[in-house]
Amino acid sequence: MTTKAAFIAVTLDCAEPKVLADFYSKITGYESQYADDDYAFIGDGTHAIGFQRVEGRVPASWPGPAKQFHLDFRVPDVDKAVQEYVGLGATKPEFQPGQGWIVLADPEGHLFCVCPERS
């Protein structure tokens, strides 16, 4: 039998951990658990996101094959959330691959999808 692993968190490489942690804290409501110049961590007791400083990190182009992952978030009103998140520093790429959800890039270029609540 394979040993089962408990998922702890996802950690994003970035230039400014505290800044990116603050952005995601605002859109998720997660509280800061730790922050210094090299690493920051936010969570709600169940889910967590870490942010690790990596010198010279370059965001992947979108669309493009260098994209390795993206985060998905459910919201009650996609259009309102997109407007708010752009106001916080996200950008909306021209290319949108589907309908019903919106792809955004955080202030450092990591992609995330803003998805509607399930019907």
PDB file of N, CA and C in Angstrom:
ATOM      1  N   MET A   1       0.836  -1.183   0.000  1.00  0.00           N
ATOM      2  CA  MET A   1       0.000   0.000   0.000  1.00  0.00           C
ATOM      3  C   MET A   1       0.875   1.239   0.000  1.00  0.00           C
ATOM      4  N   THR A   2       0.506   2.220  -0.770  1.00  0.00           N
ATOM      5  CA  THR A   2       1.253   3.466  -0.860  1.00  0.00           C
ATOM      6  C   THR A   2       0.990   4.346   0.354  1.00  0.00           C
ATOM      7  N   THR A   3       2.048   4.912   0.923  1.00  0.00           N
ATOM      8  CA  THR A   3       1.898   5.841   2.036  1.00  0.00           C
ATOM      9  C   THR A   3       1.144   7.068   1.569  1.00  0.00           C
ATOM     10  N   LYS A   4       0.073   7.413   2.245  1.00  0.00           N
ATOM     11  CA  LYS A   4      -0.736   8.577   1.889  1.00  0.00           C
ATOM     12  C   LYS A   4      -0.109   9.836   2.454  1.00  0.00           C
ATOM     13  N   ALA A   5      -0.014  10.847   1.628  1.00  0.00           N
ATOM     14  CA  ALA A   5       0.556  12.133   2.027  1.00  0.00           C
ATOM     15  C   ALA A   5      -0.559  13.132   2.309  1.00  0.00           C
ATOM     16  N   ALA A   6      -0.378  13.946   3.319  1.00  0.00           N
ATOM     17  CA  ALA A   6      -1.327  15.010   3.649  1.00  0.00           C
ATOM     18  C   ALA A   6      -0.832  16.303   3.008  1.00  0.00           C
ATOM     19  N   PHE A   7      -1.657  16.886   2.162  1.00  0.00           N
ATOM     20  CA  PHE A   7      -1.300  18.145   1.504  1.00  0.00           C
ATOM     21  C   PHE A   7      -1.220  19.247   2.554  1.00  0.00           C
ATOM     22  N   ILE A   8      -0.126  19.995   2.541  1.00  0.00           N
ATOM     23  CA  ILE A   8       0.077  21.080   3.503  1.00  0.00           C
ATOM     24  C   ILE A   8      -0.181  22.432   2.858  1.00  0.00           C
ATOM     25  N   ALA A   9       0.504  22.700   1.749  1.00  0.00           N
ATOM     26  CA  ALA A   9       0.414  24.022   1.137  1.00  0.00           C
ATOM     27  C   ALA A   9       1.039  23.987  -0.246  1.00  0.00           C
ATOM     28  N   VAL A  10       0.786  25.027  -0.995  1.00  0.00           N
ATOM     29  CA  VAL A  10       1.499  25.274  -2.238  1.00  0.00           C
ATOM     30  C   VAL A  10       2.361  26.508  -1.980  1.00  0.00           C
ATOM     31  N   THR A  11       3.580  26.510  -2.499  1.00  0.00           N
ATOM     32  CA  THR A  11       4.486  27.648  -2.328  1.00  0.00           C
ATOM     33  C   THR A  11       4.825  28.219  -3.696  1.00  0.00           C
ATOM     34  N   LEU A  12       4.658  29.518  -3.833  1.00  0.00           N
ATOM     35  CA  LEU A  12       4.944  30.212  -5.082  1.00  0.00           C
ATOM     36  C   LEU A  12       6.296  30.894  -5.008  1.00  0.00           C
ATOM     37  N   ASP A  13       7.139  30.685  -6.015  1.00  0.00           N
ATOM     38  CA  ASP A  13       8.383  31.431  -6.129  1.00  0.00           C
ATOM     39  C   ASP A  13       8.029  32.852  -6.536  1.00  0.00           C
ATOM     40  N   CYS A  14       8.724  33.831  -5.955  1.00  0.00           N
ATOM     41  CA  CYS A  14       8.396  35.231  -6.243  1.00  0.00           C
ATOM     42  C   CYS A  14       9.562  36.132  -5.873  1.00  0.00           C
ATOM     43  N   ALA A  15       9.452  37.402  -6.229  1.00  0.00           N
ATOM     44  CA  ALA A  15      10.491  38.380  -5.904  1.00  0.00           C
ATOM     45  C   ALA A  15      10.251  39.019  -4.538  1.00  0.00           C
ATOM     46  N   GLU A  16       8.978  39.237  -4.177  1.00  0.00           N
ATOM     47  CA  GLU A  16       8.641  39.932  -2.939  1.00  0.00           C
ATOM     48  C   GLU A  16       7.581  39.154  -2.151  1.00  0.00           C
ATOM     49  N   PRO A  17       8.018  38.220  -1.301  1.00  0.00           N
ATOM     50  CA  PRO A  17       7.072  37.372  -0.580  1.00  0.00           C
ATOM     51  C   PRO A  17       6.014  38.129   0.219  1.00  0.00           C
ATOM     52  N   LYS A  18       6.408  39.161   0.952  1.00  0.00           N
ATOM     53  CA  LYS A  18       5.438  39.889   1.779  1.00  0.00           C
ATOM     54  C   LYS A  18       4.377  40.570   0.922  1.00  0.00           C
ATOM     55  N   VAL A  19       4.786  41.147  -0.192  1.00  0.00           N
ATOM     56  CA  VAL A  19       3.848  41.839  -1.079  1.00  0.00           C
ATOM     57  C   VAL A  19       2.862  40.853  -1.681  1.00  0.00           C
ATOM     58  N   LEU A  20       3.361  39.736  -2.174  1.00  0.00           N
ATOM     59  CA  LEU A  20       2.479  38.754  -2.798  1.00  0.00           C
ATOM     60  C   LEU A  20       1.577  38.084  -1.754  1.00  0.00           C
ATOM     61  N   ALA A  21       2.092  37.844  -0.565  1.00  0.00           N
ATOM     62  CA  ALA A  21       1.271  37.292   0.509  1.00  0.00           C
ATOM     63  C   ALA A  21       0.139  38.253   0.855  1.00  0.00           C
ATOM     64  N   ASP A  22       0.420  39.538   0.872  1.00  0.00           N
ATOM     65  CA  ASP A  22      -0.614  40.533   1.166  1.00  0.00           C
ATOM     66  C   ASP A  22      -1.703  40.511   0.086  1.00  0.00           C
ATOM     67  N   PHE A  23      -1.318  40.419  -1.187  1.00  0.00           N
ATOM     68  CA  PHE A  23      -2.290  40.349  -2.280  1.00  0.00           C
ATOM     69  C   PHE A  23      -3.215  39.142  -2.088  1.00  0.00           C
ATOM     70  N   TYR A  24      -2.630  37.958  -1.902  1.00  0.00           N
ATOM     71  CA  TYR A  24      -3.444  36.753  -1.766  1.00  0.00           C
ATOM     72  C   TYR A  24      -4.239  36.737  -0.466  1.00  0.00           C
ATOM     73  N   SER A  25      -3.710  37.347   0.584  1.00  0.00           N
ATOM     74  CA  SER A  25      -4.462  37.461   1.825  1.00  0.00           C
ATOM     75  C   SER A  25      -5.736  38.266   1.606  1.00  0.00           C
ATOM     76  N   LYS A  26      -5.633  39.327   0.823  1.00  0.00           N
ATOM     77  CA  LYS A  26      -6.804  40.163   0.537  1.00  0.00           C
ATOM     78  C   LYS A  26      -7.843  39.427  -0.297  1.00  0.00           C
ATOM     79  N   ILE A  27      -7.419  38.598  -1.259  1.00  0.00           N
ATOM     80  CA  ILE A  27      -8.428  37.941  -2.096  1.00  0.00           C
ATOM     81  C   ILE A  27      -8.978  36.659  -1.463  1.00  0.00           C
ATOM     82  N   THR A  28      -8.248  36.054  -0.529  1.00  0.00           N
ATOM     83  CA  THR A  28      -8.728  34.811   0.087  1.00  0.00           C
ATOM     84  C   THR A  28      -9.274  35.003   1.501  1.00  0.00           C
ATOM     85  N   GLY A  29      -8.842  36.066   2.160  1.00  0.00           N
ATOM     86  CA  GLY A  29      -9.185  36.229   3.569  1.00  0.00           C
ATOM     87  C   GLY A  29      -8.273  35.438   4.490  1.00  0.00           C
ATOM     88  N   TYR A  30      -7.273  34.747   3.944  1.00  0.00           N
ATOM     89  CA  TYR A  30      -6.329  33.995   4.758  1.00  0.00           C
ATOM     90  C   TYR A  30      -5.504  34.964   5.593  1.00  0.00           C
ATOM     91  N   GLU A  31      -5.169  34.542   6.802  1.00  0.00           N
ATOM     92  CA  GLU A  31      -4.365  35.375   7.688  1.00  0.00           C
ATOM     93  C   GLU A  31      -2.883  35.064   7.520  1.00  0.00           C
ATOM     94  N   SER A  32      -2.066  36.086   7.755  1.00  0.00           N
ATOM     95  CA  SER A  32      -0.619  35.902   7.715  1.00  0.00           C
ATOM     96  C   SER A  32      -0.205  34.999   8.874  1.00  0.00           C
ATOM     97  N   GLN A  33       0.555  33.962   8.554  1.00  0.00           N
ATOM     98  CA  GLN A  33       1.075  33.042   9.559  1.00  0.00           C
ATOM     99  C   GLN A  33       2.548  33.324   9.849  1.00  0.00           C
ATOM    100  N   TYR A  34       3.230  33.882   8.838  1.00  0.00           N
ATOM    101  CA  TYR A  34       4.660  34.169   8.963  1.00  0.00           C
ATOM    102  C   TYR A  34       5.061  35.054   7.799  1.00  0.00           C
ATOM    103  N   ALA A  35       5.997  35.975   8.038  1.00  0.00           N
ATOM    104  CA  ALA A  35       6.508  36.798   6.932  1.00  0.00           C
ATOM    105  C   ALA A  35       7.881  37.360   7.273  1.00  0.00           C
ATOM    106  N   ASP A  36       8.815  37.168   6.366  1.00  0.00           N
ATOM    107  CA  ASP A  36      10.092  37.875   6.406  1.00  0.00           C
ATOM    108  C   ASP A  36      10.465  38.200   4.961  1.00  0.00           C
ATOM    109  N   ASP A  37      11.651  38.707   4.730  1.00  0.00           N
ATOM    110  CA  ASP A  37      12.027  39.132   3.380  1.00  0.00           C
ATOM    111  C   ASP A  37      12.187  37.966   2.402  1.00  0.00           C
ATOM    112  N   ASP A  38      12.371  36.749   2.908  1.00  0.00           N
ATOM    113  CA  ASP A  38      12.599  35.590   2.047  1.00  0.00           C
ATOM    114  C   ASP A  38      11.414  34.634   1.946  1.00  0.00           C
ATOM    115  N   TYR A  39      10.508  34.686   2.912  1.00  0.00           N
ATOM    116  CA  TYR A  39       9.396  33.741   2.900  1.00  0.00           C
ATOM    117  C   TYR A  39       8.207  34.324   3.651  1.00  0.00           C
ATOM    118  N   ALA A  40       7.030  34.078   3.117  1.00  0.00           N
ATOM    119  CA  ALA A  40       5.788  34.459   3.792  1.00  0.00           C
ATOM    120  C   ALA A  40       4.804  33.309   3.627  1.00  0.00           C
ATOM    121  N   PHE A  41       3.859  33.229   4.567  1.00  0.00           N
ATOM    122  CA  PHE A  41       2.933  32.104   4.600  1.00  0.00           C
ATOM    123  C   PHE A  41       1.593  32.606   5.103  1.00  0.00           C
ATOM    124  N   ILE A  42       0.520  32.299   4.350  1.00  0.00           N
ATOM    125  CA  ILE A  42      -0.828  32.668   4.773  1.00  0.00           C
ATOM    126  C   ILE A  42      -1.694  31.408   4.795  1.00  0.00           C
ATOM    127  N   GLY A  43      -2.731  31.408   5.620  1.00  0.00           N
ATOM    128  CA  GLY A  43      -3.593  30.249   5.656  1.00  0.00           C
ATOM    129  C   GLY A  43      -4.843  30.488   6.471  1.00  0.00           C
ATOM    130  N   ASP A  44      -5.736  29.488   6.414  1.00  0.00           N
ATOM    131  CA  ASP A  44      -6.990  29.562   7.171  1.00  0.00           C
ATOM    132  C   ASP A  44      -7.140  28.389   8.128  1.00  0.00           C
ATOM    133  N   GLY A  45      -6.072  27.663   8.375  1.00  0.00           N
ATOM    134  CA  GLY A  45      -6.138  26.496   9.249  1.00  0.00           C
ATOM    135  C   GLY A  45      -6.354  25.204   8.483  1.00  0.00           C
ATOM    136  N   THR A  46      -6.841  25.297   7.251  1.00  0.00           N
ATOM    137  CA  THR A  46      -7.052  24.123   6.404  1.00  0.00           C
ATOM    138  C   THR A  46      -6.214  24.223   5.137  1.00  0.00           C
ATOM    139  N   HIS A  47      -6.265  25.368   4.488  1.00  0.00           N
ATOM    140  CA  HIS A  47      -5.525  25.610   3.250  1.00  0.00           C
ATOM    141  C   HIS A  47      -4.460  26.681   3.502  1.00  0.00           C
ATOM    142  N   ALA A  48      -3.361  26.590   2.757  1.00  0.00           N
ATOM    143  CA  ALA A  48      -2.279  27.557   2.957  1.00  0.00           C
ATOM    144  C   ALA A  48      -1.541  27.808   1.645  1.00  0.00           C
ATOM    145  N   ILE A  49      -0.975  29.004   1.554  1.00  0.00           N
ATOM    146  CA  ILE A  49      -0.133  29.382   0.421  1.00  0.00           C
ATOM    147  C   ILE A  49       1.142  30.002   0.986  1.00  0.00           C
ATOM    148  N   GLY A  50       2.284  29.527   0.502  1.00  0.00           N
ATOM    149  CA  GLY A  50       3.565  30.094   0.876  1.00  0.00           C
ATOM    150  C   GLY A  50       4.142  30.880  -0.287  1.00  0.00           C
ATOM    151  N   PHE A  51       5.059  31.784   0.028  1.00  0.00           N
ATOM    152  CA  PHE A  51       5.682  32.649  -0.981  1.00  0.00           C
ATOM    153  C   PHE A  51       7.167  32.713  -0.668  1.00  0.00           C
ATOM    154  N   GLN A  52       7.982  32.209  -1.595  1.00  0.00           N
ATOM    155  CA  GLN A  52       9.420  32.107  -1.380  1.00  0.00           C
ATOM    156  C   GLN A  52      10.156  32.994  -2.365  1.00  0.00           C
ATOM    157  N   ARG A  53      11.065  33.819  -1.835  1.00  0.00           N
ATOM    158  CA  ARG A  53      11.830  34.737  -2.689  1.00  0.00           C
ATOM    159  C   ARG A  53      12.824  33.956  -3.542  1.00  0.00           C
ATOM    160  N   VAL A  54      12.795  34.233  -4.840  1.00  0.00           N
ATOM    161  CA  VAL A  54      13.727  33.647  -5.794  1.00  0.00           C
ATOM    162  C   VAL A  54      14.258  34.791  -6.650  1.00  0.00           C
ATOM    163  N   GLU A  55      15.540  35.043  -6.532  1.00  0.00           N
ATOM    164  CA  GLU A  55      16.172  36.114  -7.313  1.00  0.00           C
ATOM    165  C   GLU A  55      16.041  35.846  -8.806  1.00  0.00           C
ATOM    166  N   GLY A  56      15.668  36.860  -9.569  1.00  0.00           N
ATOM    167  CA  GLY A  56      15.635  36.764 -11.020  1.00  0.00           C
ATOM    168  C   GLY A  56      14.490  35.963 -11.595  1.00  0.00           C
ATOM    169  N   ARG A  57      13.497  35.635 -10.787  1.00  0.00           N
ATOM    170  CA  ARG A  57      12.352  34.878 -11.299  1.00  0.00           C
ATOM    171  C   ARG A  57      11.676  35.649 -12.429  1.00  0.00           C
ATOM    172  N   VAL A  58      11.381  34.932 -13.495  1.00  0.00           N
ATOM    173  CA  VAL A  58      10.708  35.528 -14.652  1.00  0.00           C
ATOM    174  C   VAL A  58       9.388  34.795 -14.851  1.00  0.00           C
ATOM    175  N   PRO A  59       8.265  35.529 -14.896  1.00  0.00           N
ATOM    176  CA  PRO A  59       6.983  34.845 -15.089  1.00  0.00           C
ATOM    177  C   PRO A  59       6.898  34.192 -16.467  1.00  0.00           C
ATOM    178  N   ALA A  60       6.172  33.089 -16.531  1.00  0.00           N
ATOM    179  CA  ALA A  60       5.936  32.410 -17.805  1.00  0.00           C
ATOM    180  C   ALA A  60       5.019  33.264 -18.668  1.00  0.00           C
ATOM    181  N   SER A  61       5.223  33.204 -19.980  1.00  0.00           N
ATOM    182  CA  SER A  61       4.334  33.937 -20.878  1.00  0.00           C
ATOM    183  C   SER A  61       3.000  33.204 -20.965  1.00  0.00           C
ATOM    184  N   TRP A  62       1.959  33.949 -21.255  1.00  0.00           N
ATOM    185  CA  TRP A  62       0.614  33.368 -21.349  1.00  0.00           C
ATOM    186  C   TRP A  62      -0.058  33.897 -22.592  1.00  0.00           C
ATOM    187  N   PRO A  63      -0.608  33.053 -23.446  1.00  0.00           N
ATOM    188  CA  PRO A  63      -0.525  31.600 -23.333  1.00  0.00           C
ATOM    189  C   PRO A  63       0.856  31.117 -23.746  1.00  0.00           C
ATOM    190  N   GLY A  64       1.229  29.987 -23.276  1.00  0.00           N
ATOM    191  CA  GLY A  64       2.524  29.437 -23.641  1.00  0.00           C
ATOM    192  C   GLY A  64       2.816  28.160 -22.887  1.00  0.00           C
ATOM    193  N   PRO A  65       3.751  27.372 -23.390  1.00  0.00           N
ATOM    194  CA  PRO A  65       4.059  26.071 -22.789  1.00  0.00           C
ATOM    195  C   PRO A  65       4.859  26.153 -21.495  1.00  0.00           C
ATOM    196  N   ALA A  66       5.396  27.326 -21.143  1.00  0.00           N
ATOM    197  CA  ALA A  66       6.195  27.430 -19.923  1.00  0.00           C
ATOM    198  C   ALA A  66       5.336  27.487 -18.660  1.00  0.00           C
ATOM    199  N   LYS A  67       4.034  27.723 -18.799  1.00  0.00           N
ATOM    200  CA  LYS A  67       3.142  27.770 -17.635  1.00  0.00           C
ATOM    201  C   LYS A  67       3.120  26.382 -17.000  1.00  0.00           C
ATOM    202  N   GLN A  68       3.418  26.314 -15.719  1.00  0.00           N
ATOM    203  CA  GLN A  68       3.490  25.019 -15.046  1.00  0.00           C
ATOM    204  C   GLN A  68       2.281  24.735 -14.172  1.00  0.00           C
ATOM    205  N   PHE A  69       1.593  25.738 -13.726  1.00  0.00           N
ATOM    206  CA  PHE A  69       0.446  25.544 -12.845  1.00  0.00           C
ATOM    207  C   PHE A  69      -0.370  26.829 -12.823  1.00  0.00           C
ATOM    208  N   HIS A  70      -1.552  26.747 -12.247  1.00  0.00           N
ATOM    209  CA  HIS A  70      -2.324  27.934 -11.907  1.00  0.00           C
ATOM    210  C   HIS A  70      -3.214  27.579 -10.730  1.00  0.00           C
ATOM    211  N   LEU A  71      -3.665  28.583 -10.026  1.00  0.00           N
ATOM    212  CA  LEU A  71      -4.563  28.392  -8.897  1.00  0.00           C
ATOM    213  C   LEU A  71      -5.987  28.695  -9.356  1.00  0.00           C
ATOM    214  N   ASP A  72      -6.964  28.035  -8.754  1.00  0.00           N
ATOM    215  CA  ASP A  72      -8.379  28.289  -9.039  1.00  0.00           C
ATOM    216  C   ASP A  72      -9.065  28.750  -7.762  1.00  0.00           C
ATOM    217  N   PHE A  73      -9.888  29.793  -7.877  1.00  0.00           N
ATOM    218  CA  PHE A  73     -10.645  30.316  -6.752  1.00  0.00           C
ATOM    219  C   PHE A  73     -12.108  30.459  -7.153  1.00  0.00           C
ATOM    220  N   ARG A  74     -13.022  30.030  -6.280  1.00  0.00           N
ATOM    221  CA  ARG A  74     -14.462  30.202  -6.503  1.00  0.00           C
ATOM    222  C   ARG A  74     -14.921  31.489  -5.840  1.00  0.00           C
ATOM    223  N   VAL A  75     -15.788  32.204  -6.539  1.00  0.00           N
ATOM    224  CA  VAL A  75     -16.342  33.454  -6.020  1.00  0.00           C
ATOM    225  C   VAL A  75     -17.832  33.514  -6.343  1.00  0.00           C
ATOM    226  N   PRO A  76     -18.606  34.289  -5.574  1.00  0.00           N
ATOM    227  CA  PRO A  76     -20.031  34.392  -5.850  1.00  0.00           C
ATOM    228  C   PRO A  76     -20.346  35.221  -7.101  1.00  0.00           C
ATOM    229  N   ASP A  77     -19.483  36.163  -7.461  1.00  0.00           N
ATOM    230  CA  ASP A  77     -19.715  37.029  -8.620  1.00  0.00           C
ATOM    231  C   ASP A  77     -18.379  37.237  -9.335  1.00  0.00           C
ATOM    232  N   VAL A  78     -18.189  36.549 -10.451  1.00  0.00           N
ATOM    233  CA  VAL A  78     -16.910  36.574 -11.168  1.00  0.00           C
ATOM    234  C   VAL A  78     -16.550  37.983 -11.609  1.00  0.00           C
ATOM    235  N   ASP A  79     -17.471  38.690 -12.252  1.00  0.00           N
ATOM    236  CA  ASP A  79     -17.160  40.028 -12.770  1.00  0.00           C
ATOM    237  C   ASP A  79     -16.755  40.993 -11.658  1.00  0.00           C
ATOM    238  N   LYS A  80     -17.481  40.959 -10.538  1.00  0.00           N
ATOM    239  CA  LYS A  80     -17.153  41.835  -9.409  1.00  0.00           C
ATOM    240  C   LYS A  80     -15.783  41.486  -8.844  1.00  0.00           C
ATOM    241  N   ALA A  81     -15.520  40.188  -8.674  1.00  0.00           N
ATOM    242  CA  ALA A  81     -14.226  39.764  -8.128  1.00  0.00           C
ATOM    243  C   ALA A  81     -13.084  40.181  -9.044  1.00  0.00           C
ATOM    244  N   VAL A  82     -13.251  39.998 -10.354  1.00  0.00           N
ATOM    245  CA  VAL A  82     -12.210  40.392 -11.303  1.00  0.00           C
ATOM    246  C   VAL A  82     -11.917  41.882 -11.163  1.00  0.00           C
ATOM    247  N   GLN A  83     -12.948  42.683 -11.088  1.00  0.00           N
ATOM    248  CA  GLN A  83     -12.766  44.140 -10.943  1.00  0.00           C
ATOM    249  C   GLN A  83     -11.996  44.453  -9.655  1.00  0.00           C
ATOM    250  N   GLU A  84     -12.367  43.808  -8.557  1.00  0.00           N
ATOM    251  CA  GLU A  84     -11.690  44.050  -7.282  1.00  0.00           C
ATOM    252  C   GLU A  84     -10.231  43.588  -7.333  1.00  0.00           C
ATOM    253  N   TYR A  85      -9.986  42.412  -7.897  1.00  0.00           N
ATOM    254  CA  TYR A  85      -8.632  41.867  -7.917  1.00  0.00           C
ATOM    255  C   TYR A  85      -7.711  42.688  -8.822  1.00  0.00           C
ATOM    256  N   VAL A  86      -8.250  43.173  -9.925  1.00  0.00           N
ATOM    257  CA  VAL A  86      -7.466  44.073 -10.779  1.00  0.00           C
ATOM    258  C   VAL A  86      -7.139  45.353 -10.009  1.00  0.00           C
ATOM    259  N   GLY A  87      -8.083  45.823  -9.223  1.00  0.00           N
ATOM    260  CA  GLY A  87      -7.840  46.990  -8.379  1.00  0.00           C
ATOM    261  C   GLY A  87      -6.753  46.762  -7.341  1.00  0.00           C
ATOM    262  N   LEU A  88      -6.534  45.512  -6.965  1.00  0.00           N
ATOM    263  CA  LEU A  88      -5.490  45.168  -5.994  1.00  0.00           C
ATOM    264  C   LEU A  88      -4.126  44.900  -6.650  1.00  0.00           C
ATOM    265  N   GLY A  89      -4.086  44.910  -7.998  1.00  0.00           N
ATOM    266  CA  GLY A  89      -2.807  44.711  -8.680  1.00  0.00           C
ATOM    267  C   GLY A  89      -2.750  43.567  -9.653  1.00  0.00           C
ATOM    268  N   ALA A  90      -3.812  42.762  -9.757  1.00  0.00           N
ATOM    269  CA  ALA A  90      -3.835  41.689 -10.762  1.00  0.00           C
ATOM    270  C   ALA A  90      -4.001  42.303 -12.148  1.00  0.00           C
ATOM    271  N   THR A  91      -3.692  41.531 -13.168  1.00  0.00           N
ATOM    272  CA  THR A  91      -3.932  41.955 -14.549  1.00  0.00           C
ATOM    273  C   THR A  91      -4.758  40.879 -15.243  1.00  0.00           C
ATOM    274  N   LYS A  92      -5.494  41.315 -16.264  1.00  0.00           N
ATOM    275  CA  LYS A  92      -6.331  40.382 -17.024  1.00  0.00           C
ATOM    276  C   LYS A  92      -5.702  40.209 -18.401  1.00  0.00           C
ATOM    277  N   PRO A  93      -5.105  39.035 -18.662  1.00  0.00           N
ATOM    278  CA  PRO A  93      -4.512  38.785 -19.973  1.00  0.00           C
ATOM    279  C   PRO A  93      -5.579  38.836 -21.067  1.00  0.00           C
ATOM    280  N   GLU A  94      -5.167  39.232 -22.249  1.00  0.00           N
ATOM    281  CA  GLU A  94      -6.095  39.286 -23.384  1.00  0.00           C
ATOM    282  C   GLU A  94      -6.639  37.900 -23.699  1.00  0.00           C
ATOM    283  N   PHE A  95      -5.767  36.879 -23.714  1.00  0.00           N
ATOM    284  CA  PHE A  95      -6.203  35.530 -24.051  1.00  0.00           C
ATOM    285  C   PHE A  95      -6.974  34.926 -22.886  1.00  0.00           C
ATOM    286  N   GLN A  96      -8.208  34.544 -23.141  1.00  0.00           N
ATOM    287  CA  GLN A  96      -9.070  33.867 -22.171  1.00  0.00           C
ATOM    288  C   GLN A  96      -9.541  32.570 -22.821  1.00  0.00           C
ATOM    289  N   PRO A  97      -9.161  31.415 -22.264  1.00  0.00           N
ATOM    290  CA  PRO A  97      -9.376  30.139 -22.944  1.00  0.00           C
ATOM    291  C   PRO A  97     -10.769  29.529 -22.839  1.00  0.00           C
ATOM    292  N   GLY A  98     -11.659  30.117 -22.096  1.00  0.00           N
ATOM    293  CA  GLY A  98     -12.967  29.488 -21.939  1.00  0.00           C
ATOM    294  C   GLY A  98     -14.030  30.503 -21.590  1.00  0.00           C
ATOM    295  N   GLN A  99     -15.176  29.996 -21.184  1.00  0.00           N
ATOM    296  CA  GLN A  99     -16.287  30.854 -20.796  1.00  0.00           C
ATOM    297  C   GLN A  99     -16.722  30.506 -19.381  1.00  0.00           C
ATOM    298  N   GLY A 100     -17.174  31.510 -18.651  1.00  0.00           N
ATOM    299  CA  GLY A 100     -17.668  31.290 -17.302  1.00  0.00           C
ATOM    300  C   GLY A 100     -16.649  31.574 -16.224  1.00  0.00           C
ATOM    301  N   TRP A 101     -15.372  31.534 -16.563  1.00  0.00           N
ATOM    302  CA  TRP A 101     -14.316  31.870 -15.619  1.00  0.00           C
ATOM    303  C   TRP A 101     -13.368  32.836 -16.309  1.00  0.00           C
ATOM    304  N   ILE A 102     -12.562  33.517 -15.509  1.00  0.00           N
ATOM    305  CA  ILE A 102     -11.615  34.509 -16.031  1.00  0.00           C
ATOM    306  C   ILE A 102     -10.218  34.162 -15.527  1.00  0.00           C
ATOM    307  N   VAL A 103      -9.245  34.209 -16.426  1.00  0.00           N
ATOM    308  CA  VAL A 103      -7.843  34.033 -16.054  1.00  0.00           C
ATOM    309  C   VAL A 103      -7.274  35.412 -15.715  1.00  0.00           C
ATOM    310  N   LEU A 104      -6.630  35.505 -14.563  1.00  0.00           N
ATOM    311  CA  LEU A 104      -5.916  36.715 -14.161  1.00  0.00           C
ATOM    312  C   LEU A 104      -4.473  36.341 -13.853  1.00  0.00           C
ATOM    313  N   ALA A 105      -3.627  37.361 -13.803  1.00  0.00           N
ATOM    314  CA  ALA A 105      -2.247  37.188 -13.358  1.00  0.00           C
ATOM    315  C   ALA A 105      -2.065  38.035 -12.106  1.00  0.00           C
ATOM    316  N   ASP A 106      -1.455  37.468 -11.076  1.00  0.00           N
ATOM    317  CA  ASP A 106      -1.212  38.227  -9.853  1.00  0.00           C
ATOM    318  C   ASP A 106      -0.134  39.283 -10.120  1.00  0.00           C
ATOM    319  N   PRO A 107       0.187  40.137  -9.148  1.00  0.00           N
ATOM    320  CA  PRO A 107       1.165  41.206  -9.391  1.00  0.00           C
ATOM    321  C   PRO A 107       2.547  40.739  -9.846  1.00  0.00           C
ATOM    322  N   GLU A 108       2.879  39.453  -9.680  1.00  0.00           N
ATOM    323  CA  GLU A 108       4.166  38.933 -10.154  1.00  0.00           C
ATOM    324  C   GLU A 108       4.013  38.004 -11.347  1.00  0.00           C
ATOM    325  N   GLY A 109       2.796  37.903 -11.893  1.00  0.00           N
ATOM    326  CA  GLY A 109       2.596  37.149 -13.120  1.00  0.00           C
ATOM    327  C   GLY A 109       2.135  35.709 -12.974  1.00  0.00           C
ATOM    328  N   HIS A 110       1.927  35.220 -11.747  1.00  0.00           N
ATOM    329  CA  HIS A 110       1.378  33.873 -11.570  1.00  0.00           C
ATOM    330  C   HIS A 110      -0.080  33.894 -12.007  1.00  0.00           C
ATOM    331  N   LEU A 111      -0.477  32.910 -12.779  1.00  0.00           N
ATOM    332  CA  LEU A 111      -1.848  32.853 -13.265  1.00  0.00           C
ATOM    333  C   LEU A 111      -2.778  32.238 -12.235  1.00  0.00           C
ATOM    334  N   PHE A 112      -4.011  32.751 -12.199  1.00  0.00           N
ATOM    335  CA  PHE A 112      -5.051  32.137 -11.383  1.00  0.00           C
ATOM    336  C   PHE A 112      -6.393  32.364 -12.055  1.00  0.00           C
ATOM    337  N   CYS A 113      -7.309  31.436 -11.831  1.00  0.00           N
ATOM    338  CA  CYS A 113      -8.630  31.525 -12.422  1.00  0.00           C
ATOM    339  C   CYS A 113      -9.646  31.943 -11.362  1.00  0.00           C
ATOM    340  N   VAL A 114     -10.528  32.828 -11.785  1.00  0.00           N
ATOM    341  CA  VAL A 114     -11.631  33.259 -10.949  1.00  0.00           C
ATOM    342  C   VAL A 114     -12.867  32.530 -11.496  1.00  0.00           C
ATOM    343  N   CYS A 115     -13.391  31.601 -10.698  1.00  0.00           N
ATOM    344  CA  CYS A 115     -14.440  30.679 -11.139  1.00  0.00           C
ATOM    345  C   CYS A 115     -15.746  30.950 -10.394  1.00  0.00           C
ATOM    346  N   PRO A 116     -16.870  30.722 -11.079  1.00  0.00           N
ATOM    347  CA  PRO A 116     -18.158  30.915 -10.402  1.00  0.00           C
ATOM    348  C   PRO A 116     -18.431  29.787  -9.416  1.00  0.00           C
ATOM    349  N   GLU A 117     -19.296  30.080  -8.455  1.00  0.00           N
ATOM    350  CA  GLU A 117     -19.720  29.026  -7.542  1.00  0.00           C
ATOM    351  C   GLU A 117     -20.452  27.953  -8.332  1.00  0.00           C
ATOM    352  N   ARG A 118     -20.409  26.747  -7.813  1.00  0.00           N
ATOM    353  CA  ARG A 118     -21.111  25.636  -8.465  1.00  0.00           C
ATOM    354  C   ARG A 118     -22.602  25.853  -8.376  1.00  0.00           C
ATOM    355  N   SER A 119     -23.300  25.442  -9.424  1.00  0.00           N
ATOM    356  CA  SER A 119     -24.765  25.572  -9.436  1.00  0.00           C
ATOM    357  C   SER A 119     -25.429  24.540  -8.573  1.00  0.00           C
TER     358      SER A 119
END
